[in-house]
């Protein structure tokens, strides 16, 4: 009895898993079809992400090549998500931050500033 029952249960299990996968794929297909139709109508998908890739660097007013190389080596690029309004308000190459480093000037006599610019605009 158990020899006959075991293959039968395995077959039911495999068949039920297969049907659930088909249902999942059908739901995903319907969702993607709806998103394509929305895009053709000019609607913005609800899950759209607006990302700015920013470049942050420090620069010094100096004749020292060592300081300029250090500034170049310490510059970084990073991405942050933003809302659509802010995304539309900036352009590639726009300066976000350009601040003089007053504390370094007072304490060390160093003339420098922070610069943050928009390197790239990404929509996902």
N, C-alpha and C. Protein backbone atom coordinates (compact mmCIF):
# COMPACT_ATOMS: atom_id res chain seq x y z
N UNK A 1 0.82 -1.19 0.00
CA UNK A 1 0.00 0.00 0.00
C UNK A 1 0.87 1.26 0.00
N UNK A 2 1.89 1.28 0.88
CA UNK A 2 2.73 2.47 0.97
C UNK A 2 3.57 2.66 -0.29
N UNK A 3 3.87 1.53 -1.00
CA UNK A 3 4.62 1.65 -2.24
C UNK A 3 3.80 2.34 -3.33
N UNK A 4 2.53 2.15 -3.31
CA UNK A 4 1.65 2.78 -4.29
C UNK A 4 1.32 4.21 -3.87
N UNK A 5 1.15 4.43 -2.59
CA UNK A 5 0.76 5.74 -2.07
C UNK A 5 1.88 6.77 -2.19
N UNK A 6 3.10 6.38 -1.95
CA UNK A 6 4.21 7.31 -1.99
C UNK A 6 4.40 7.95 -3.37
N UNK A 7 4.47 7.19 -4.47
CA UNK A 7 4.59 7.84 -5.78
C UNK A 7 3.38 8.73 -6.11
N UNK A 8 2.23 8.33 -5.66
CA UNK A 8 1.02 9.11 -5.91
C UNK A 8 1.10 10.47 -5.19
N UNK A 9 1.55 10.49 -3.93
CA UNK A 9 1.70 11.73 -3.17
C UNK A 9 2.78 12.63 -3.78
N UNK A 10 3.88 12.02 -4.22
CA UNK A 10 4.95 12.79 -4.84
C UNK A 10 4.43 13.44 -6.12
N UNK A 11 3.65 12.71 -6.89
CA UNK A 11 3.10 13.23 -8.14
C UNK A 11 2.14 14.39 -7.87
N UNK A 12 1.33 14.27 -6.84
CA UNK A 12 0.41 15.36 -6.48
C UNK A 12 1.18 16.58 -6.03
N UNK A 13 2.22 16.38 -5.25
CA UNK A 13 3.04 17.49 -4.76
C UNK A 13 3.70 18.24 -5.93
N UNK A 14 4.29 17.49 -6.85
CA UNK A 14 4.96 18.11 -8.00
C UNK A 14 3.95 18.86 -8.86
N UNK A 15 2.80 18.27 -9.06
CA UNK A 15 1.77 18.92 -9.87
C UNK A 15 1.25 20.19 -9.21
N UNK A 16 1.07 20.16 -7.90
CA UNK A 16 0.57 21.35 -7.22
C UNK A 16 1.62 22.46 -7.22
N UNK A 17 2.89 22.13 -7.09
CA UNK A 17 3.95 23.14 -7.16
C UNK A 17 4.01 23.76 -8.54
N UNK A 18 3.87 22.95 -9.54
CA UNK A 18 3.90 23.43 -10.91
C UNK A 18 2.75 24.40 -11.18
N UNK A 19 1.56 24.09 -10.68
CA UNK A 19 0.41 24.96 -10.88
C UNK A 19 0.58 26.30 -10.17
N UNK A 20 1.16 26.30 -8.99
CA UNK A 20 1.36 27.56 -8.27
C UNK A 20 2.39 28.43 -8.99
N UNK A 21 3.40 27.80 -9.59
CA UNK A 21 4.37 28.56 -10.35
C UNK A 21 3.73 29.20 -11.58
N UNK A 22 2.85 28.46 -12.23
CA UNK A 22 2.15 28.99 -13.40
C UNK A 22 1.27 30.17 -12.99
N UNK A 23 0.58 30.05 -11.89
CA UNK A 23 -0.26 31.15 -11.41
C UNK A 23 0.58 32.39 -11.08
N UNK A 24 1.72 32.18 -10.45
CA UNK A 24 2.61 33.29 -10.13
C UNK A 24 3.09 33.98 -11.40
N UNK A 25 3.47 33.19 -12.40
CA UNK A 25 3.92 33.76 -13.66
C UNK A 25 2.80 34.50 -14.38
N UNK A 26 1.58 33.99 -14.30
CA UNK A 26 0.44 34.68 -14.92
C UNK A 26 0.19 36.03 -14.26
N UNK A 27 0.31 36.08 -12.93
CA UNK A 27 0.12 37.34 -12.21
C UNK A 27 1.21 38.34 -12.57
N UNK A 28 2.46 37.88 -12.63
CA UNK A 28 3.56 38.76 -13.01
C UNK A 28 3.39 39.28 -14.43
N UNK A 29 2.92 38.40 -15.33
CA UNK A 29 2.69 38.80 -16.71
C UNK A 29 1.61 39.87 -16.80
N UNK A 30 0.53 39.71 -16.04
CA UNK A 30 -0.55 40.70 -16.05
C UNK A 30 -0.06 42.03 -15.50
N UNK A 31 0.74 42.00 -14.45
CA UNK A 31 1.29 43.22 -13.86
C UNK A 31 2.21 43.95 -14.84
N UNK A 32 3.07 43.20 -15.51
CA UNK A 32 3.98 43.81 -16.48
C UNK A 32 3.21 44.36 -17.69
N UNK A 33 2.18 43.67 -18.12
CA UNK A 33 1.35 44.16 -19.22
C UNK A 33 0.68 45.48 -18.84
N UNK A 34 0.21 45.57 -17.60
CA UNK A 34 -0.42 46.81 -17.13
C UNK A 34 0.60 47.95 -17.06
N UNK A 35 1.80 47.66 -16.61
CA UNK A 35 2.85 48.68 -16.54
C UNK A 35 3.22 49.17 -17.94
N UNK A 36 3.28 48.26 -18.92
CA UNK A 36 3.59 48.66 -20.29
C UNK A 36 2.47 49.54 -20.84
N UNK A 37 1.24 49.18 -20.58
CA UNK A 37 0.11 50.00 -21.04
C UNK A 37 0.15 51.39 -20.41
N UNK A 38 0.49 51.46 -19.12
CA UNK A 38 0.60 52.76 -18.44
C UNK A 38 1.70 53.61 -19.05
N UNK A 39 2.83 52.98 -19.38
CA UNK A 39 3.94 53.72 -19.98
C UNK A 39 3.56 54.26 -21.37
N UNK A 40 2.80 53.48 -22.12
CA UNK A 40 2.37 53.94 -23.45
C UNK A 40 1.41 55.12 -23.33
N UNK A 41 0.67 55.20 -22.23
CA UNK A 41 -0.26 56.30 -22.01
C UNK A 41 0.42 57.51 -21.38
N UNK A 42 1.70 57.38 -21.03
CA UNK A 42 2.45 58.49 -20.45
C UNK A 42 2.36 58.57 -18.94
N UNK A 43 1.80 57.57 -18.31
CA UNK A 43 1.73 57.57 -16.84
C UNK A 43 3.07 57.16 -16.26
N UNK A 44 3.43 57.76 -15.13
CA UNK A 44 4.67 57.41 -14.43
C UNK A 44 4.36 56.26 -13.47
N UNK A 45 5.12 55.18 -13.53
CA UNK A 45 4.88 54.07 -12.61
C UNK A 45 5.04 54.50 -11.15
N UNK A 46 4.26 53.92 -10.27
CA UNK A 46 4.28 54.30 -8.85
C UNK A 46 5.61 53.97 -8.18
N UNK A 47 6.30 52.97 -8.67
CA UNK A 47 7.55 52.56 -8.02
C UNK A 47 8.79 53.16 -8.68
N UNK A 48 8.62 54.22 -9.43
CA UNK A 48 9.76 54.86 -10.09
C UNK A 48 10.67 55.49 -9.04
N UNK A 49 11.96 55.26 -9.19
CA UNK A 49 12.94 55.83 -8.26
C UNK A 49 13.78 56.86 -9.02
N UNK A 50 13.95 58.01 -8.40
CA UNK A 50 14.78 59.07 -8.95
C UNK A 50 16.05 59.13 -8.14
N UNK A 51 17.17 58.92 -8.80
CA UNK A 51 18.45 58.82 -8.11
C UNK A 51 19.43 59.84 -8.70
N UNK A 52 20.13 60.53 -7.81
CA UNK A 52 21.19 61.43 -8.24
C UNK A 52 22.53 60.81 -7.87
N UNK A 53 23.42 60.76 -8.82
CA UNK A 53 24.80 60.34 -8.55
C UNK A 53 25.59 61.62 -8.35
N UNK A 54 26.12 61.78 -7.14
CA UNK A 54 26.81 63.01 -6.75
C UNK A 54 28.31 62.79 -6.65
N UNK A 55 29.05 63.85 -6.91
CA UNK A 55 30.51 63.83 -6.78
C UNK A 55 30.88 64.83 -5.69
N UNK A 56 31.53 64.35 -4.64
CA UNK A 56 31.93 65.18 -3.51
C UNK A 56 33.45 65.25 -3.46
N UNK A 57 33.95 66.48 -3.41
CA UNK A 57 35.40 66.64 -3.33
C UNK A 57 35.72 67.86 -2.48
N UNK A 58 36.93 67.86 -2.01
CA UNK A 58 37.46 68.98 -1.25
C UNK A 58 38.54 69.61 -2.12
N UNK A 59 38.60 70.91 -2.14
CA UNK A 59 39.65 71.55 -2.92
C UNK A 59 40.32 72.63 -2.08
N UNK A 60 41.60 72.80 -2.31
CA UNK A 60 42.40 73.77 -1.56
C UNK A 60 42.97 74.82 -2.51
N UNK A 61 43.08 76.03 -2.02
CA UNK A 61 43.78 77.09 -2.73
C UNK A 61 45.22 77.02 -2.28
N UNK A 62 46.02 76.34 -3.09
CA UNK A 62 47.40 76.10 -2.69
C UNK A 62 48.24 75.83 -3.94
N UNK A 63 49.54 76.01 -3.79
CA UNK A 63 50.47 75.66 -4.86
C UNK A 63 51.06 74.27 -4.64
N UNK A 64 50.65 73.60 -3.57
CA UNK A 64 51.18 72.28 -3.23
C UNK A 64 50.52 71.20 -4.09
N UNK A 65 51.32 70.52 -4.88
CA UNK A 65 50.81 69.43 -5.71
C UNK A 65 50.32 68.29 -4.82
N UNK A 66 50.98 68.11 -3.68
CA UNK A 66 50.60 67.05 -2.75
C UNK A 66 49.16 67.24 -2.27
N UNK A 67 48.77 68.48 -1.93
CA UNK A 67 47.40 68.74 -1.48
C UNK A 67 46.39 68.49 -2.59
N UNK A 68 46.73 68.88 -3.80
CA UNK A 68 45.81 68.67 -4.92
C UNK A 68 45.64 67.18 -5.24
N UNK A 69 46.72 66.42 -5.16
CA UNK A 69 46.63 64.98 -5.37
C UNK A 69 45.81 64.32 -4.27
N UNK A 70 46.00 64.78 -3.04
CA UNK A 70 45.24 64.24 -1.91
C UNK A 70 43.75 64.55 -2.09
N UNK A 71 43.43 65.76 -2.52
CA UNK A 71 42.03 66.12 -2.76
C UNK A 71 41.42 65.25 -3.85
N UNK A 72 42.16 65.01 -4.91
CA UNK A 72 41.67 64.16 -6.00
C UNK A 72 41.45 62.73 -5.52
N UNK A 73 42.40 62.20 -4.76
CA UNK A 73 42.31 60.82 -4.28
C UNK A 73 41.17 60.64 -3.28
N UNK A 74 40.84 61.68 -2.53
CA UNK A 74 39.79 61.58 -1.51
C UNK A 74 38.40 61.93 -2.03
N UNK A 75 38.28 62.31 -3.29
CA UNK A 75 36.95 62.61 -3.81
C UNK A 75 36.16 61.31 -3.98
N UNK A 76 34.85 61.42 -3.79
CA UNK A 76 34.01 60.22 -3.86
C UNK A 76 32.77 60.51 -4.71
N UNK A 77 32.21 59.44 -5.27
CA UNK A 77 30.93 59.47 -5.97
C UNK A 77 29.97 58.59 -5.19
N UNK A 78 28.74 59.05 -5.03
CA UNK A 78 27.74 58.24 -4.35
C UNK A 78 26.37 58.58 -4.91
N UNK A 79 25.42 57.67 -4.69
CA UNK A 79 24.06 57.83 -5.20
C UNK A 79 23.10 58.00 -4.04
N UNK A 80 22.13 58.91 -4.23
CA UNK A 80 21.07 59.07 -3.24
C UNK A 80 19.73 59.17 -3.95
N UNK A 81 18.69 58.56 -3.36
CA UNK A 81 17.35 58.72 -3.94
C UNK A 81 16.78 60.08 -3.55
N UNK A 82 16.08 60.72 -4.48
CA UNK A 82 15.46 62.01 -4.24
C UNK A 82 14.03 61.98 -4.77
N UNK A 83 13.24 62.97 -4.39
CA UNK A 83 11.88 63.04 -4.92
C UNK A 83 11.92 63.66 -6.32
N UNK A 84 10.83 63.49 -7.05
CA UNK A 84 10.76 63.92 -8.44
C UNK A 84 10.97 65.43 -8.60
N UNK A 85 10.41 66.22 -7.68
CA UNK A 85 10.54 67.67 -7.78
C UNK A 85 11.99 68.12 -7.71
N UNK A 86 12.75 67.57 -6.76
CA UNK A 86 14.16 67.93 -6.64
C UNK A 86 14.95 67.41 -7.84
N UNK A 87 14.61 66.20 -8.28
CA UNK A 87 15.27 65.59 -9.43
C UNK A 87 15.14 66.49 -10.66
N UNK A 88 13.93 67.04 -10.86
CA UNK A 88 13.69 67.91 -12.00
C UNK A 88 14.32 69.29 -11.85
N UNK A 89 14.59 69.71 -10.61
CA UNK A 89 15.11 71.06 -10.37
C UNK A 89 16.62 71.18 -10.59
N UNK A 90 17.34 70.05 -10.65
CA UNK A 90 18.78 70.11 -10.85
C UNK A 90 19.14 69.50 -12.21
N UNK A 91 20.26 69.93 -12.73
CA UNK A 91 20.77 69.42 -14.00
C UNK A 91 22.12 68.75 -13.77
N UNK A 92 22.54 67.94 -14.72
CA UNK A 92 23.85 67.32 -14.64
C UNK A 92 24.91 68.42 -14.65
N UNK A 93 25.81 68.38 -13.68
CA UNK A 93 26.85 69.39 -13.55
C UNK A 93 26.50 70.50 -12.57
N UNK A 94 25.24 70.52 -12.06
CA UNK A 94 24.83 71.55 -11.10
C UNK A 94 25.60 71.39 -9.79
N UNK A 95 25.96 72.54 -9.19
CA UNK A 95 26.60 72.50 -7.87
C UNK A 95 25.52 72.45 -6.80
N UNK A 96 25.62 71.46 -5.94
CA UNK A 96 24.69 71.31 -4.82
C UNK A 96 25.26 72.03 -3.61
N UNK A 97 26.54 71.84 -3.35
CA UNK A 97 27.22 72.45 -2.21
C UNK A 97 28.52 73.07 -2.70
N UNK A 98 28.79 74.27 -2.24
CA UNK A 98 30.07 74.94 -2.49
C UNK A 98 30.35 75.79 -1.26
N UNK A 99 30.88 75.16 -0.21
CA UNK A 99 31.07 75.81 1.09
C UNK A 99 32.53 76.02 1.43
N UNK A 100 32.85 77.22 1.83
CA UNK A 100 34.18 77.55 2.31
C UNK A 100 34.37 76.91 3.69
N UNK A 101 35.53 76.33 3.93
CA UNK A 101 35.83 75.66 5.20
C UNK A 101 36.40 76.69 6.18
N UNK A 102 35.52 77.39 6.87
CA UNK A 102 35.92 78.48 7.76
C UNK A 102 36.73 77.99 8.95
N UNK A 103 36.36 76.85 9.52
CA UNK A 103 37.07 76.31 10.68
C UNK A 103 38.52 75.98 10.35
N UNK A 104 38.77 75.40 9.19
CA UNK A 104 40.14 75.09 8.79
C UNK A 104 40.93 76.37 8.54
N UNK A 105 40.26 77.40 8.05
CA UNK A 105 40.94 78.68 7.82
C UNK A 105 41.37 79.30 9.15
N UNK A 106 40.47 79.28 10.14
CA UNK A 106 40.76 79.89 11.44
C UNK A 106 41.82 79.09 12.20
N UNK A 107 41.67 77.77 12.24
CA UNK A 107 42.58 76.94 13.04
C UNK A 107 43.92 76.67 12.36
N UNK A 108 43.92 76.45 11.04
CA UNK A 108 45.13 76.02 10.37
C UNK A 108 45.61 76.97 9.27
N UNK A 109 44.84 77.99 8.97
CA UNK A 109 45.22 78.91 7.90
C UNK A 109 45.08 78.29 6.51
N UNK A 110 44.22 77.27 6.41
CA UNK A 110 44.03 76.54 5.16
C UNK A 110 42.85 77.13 4.39
N UNK A 111 43.07 77.46 3.12
CA UNK A 111 41.98 77.94 2.27
C UNK A 111 41.45 76.75 1.48
N UNK A 112 40.26 76.33 1.79
CA UNK A 112 39.68 75.20 1.09
C UNK A 112 38.17 75.24 1.13
N UNK A 113 37.56 74.40 0.30
CA UNK A 113 36.10 74.32 0.32
C UNK A 113 35.64 72.93 -0.10
N UNK A 114 34.38 72.66 0.19
CA UNK A 114 33.72 71.43 -0.22
C UNK A 114 32.90 71.74 -1.47
N UNK A 115 32.97 70.85 -2.43
CA UNK A 115 32.17 70.99 -3.63
C UNK A 115 31.42 69.68 -3.88
N UNK A 116 30.11 69.81 -4.07
CA UNK A 116 29.30 68.65 -4.41
C UNK A 116 28.53 68.99 -5.69
N UNK A 117 28.72 68.18 -6.71
CA UNK A 117 28.05 68.42 -7.99
C UNK A 117 27.28 67.18 -8.43
N UNK A 118 26.28 67.39 -9.27
CA UNK A 118 25.50 66.29 -9.83
C UNK A 118 26.29 65.70 -10.98
N UNK A 119 26.66 64.43 -10.83
CA UNK A 119 27.43 63.77 -11.87
C UNK A 119 26.50 63.10 -12.90
N UNK A 120 25.39 62.53 -12.40
CA UNK A 120 24.49 61.80 -13.30
C UNK A 120 23.10 61.75 -12.69
N UNK A 121 22.10 61.75 -13.55
CA UNK A 121 20.70 61.61 -13.11
C UNK A 121 20.20 60.26 -13.62
N UNK A 122 19.63 59.46 -12.70
CA UNK A 122 19.21 58.09 -13.04
C UNK A 122 17.74 57.91 -12.66
N UNK A 123 16.96 57.32 -13.56
CA UNK A 123 15.57 56.97 -13.28
C UNK A 123 15.46 55.46 -13.38
N UNK A 124 15.01 54.83 -12.30
CA UNK A 124 14.84 53.36 -12.29
C UNK A 124 13.38 53.03 -12.08
